């Protein structure tokens, strides 16, 4: 592990979604679950454009922070980087009703697909 600068510390904090990614067990699942309160807050705003804008911002900031976190930690695809799970959950729920049953099914489906990584997701992961 290399010395951490303020920039890399901020990147790690963002990439781990406020240190949620440091969960000792199943950090990806914890990260996906942590996206649900954010989804509910965004849905409360009742604006699809706001949800899309947040997803776009998470995509850009998440890619930046994940890359810097990898460099700072000296590990490729560290488990603590869960911003991709957060974004994946938000995208999974983007145009669906915000009911608890839909949220639960989307969460379970997202986790299964994220773990199994069927084609073409398995190819895109290396991009």
Foldseek 3Di string as FASTA:
>chain_A
DDDDDPVLVVLLCVQLVNQCLVPPPDSLLSLLVVLLVVLVVVVVVVDLVSLVVVLVVLVVSNVVSQVSNCVRVVHPPDSSRRSVSSSQLSVLCSPPDSDPVSSVVSSVVSVVCVVVVDPPSVVVVVD
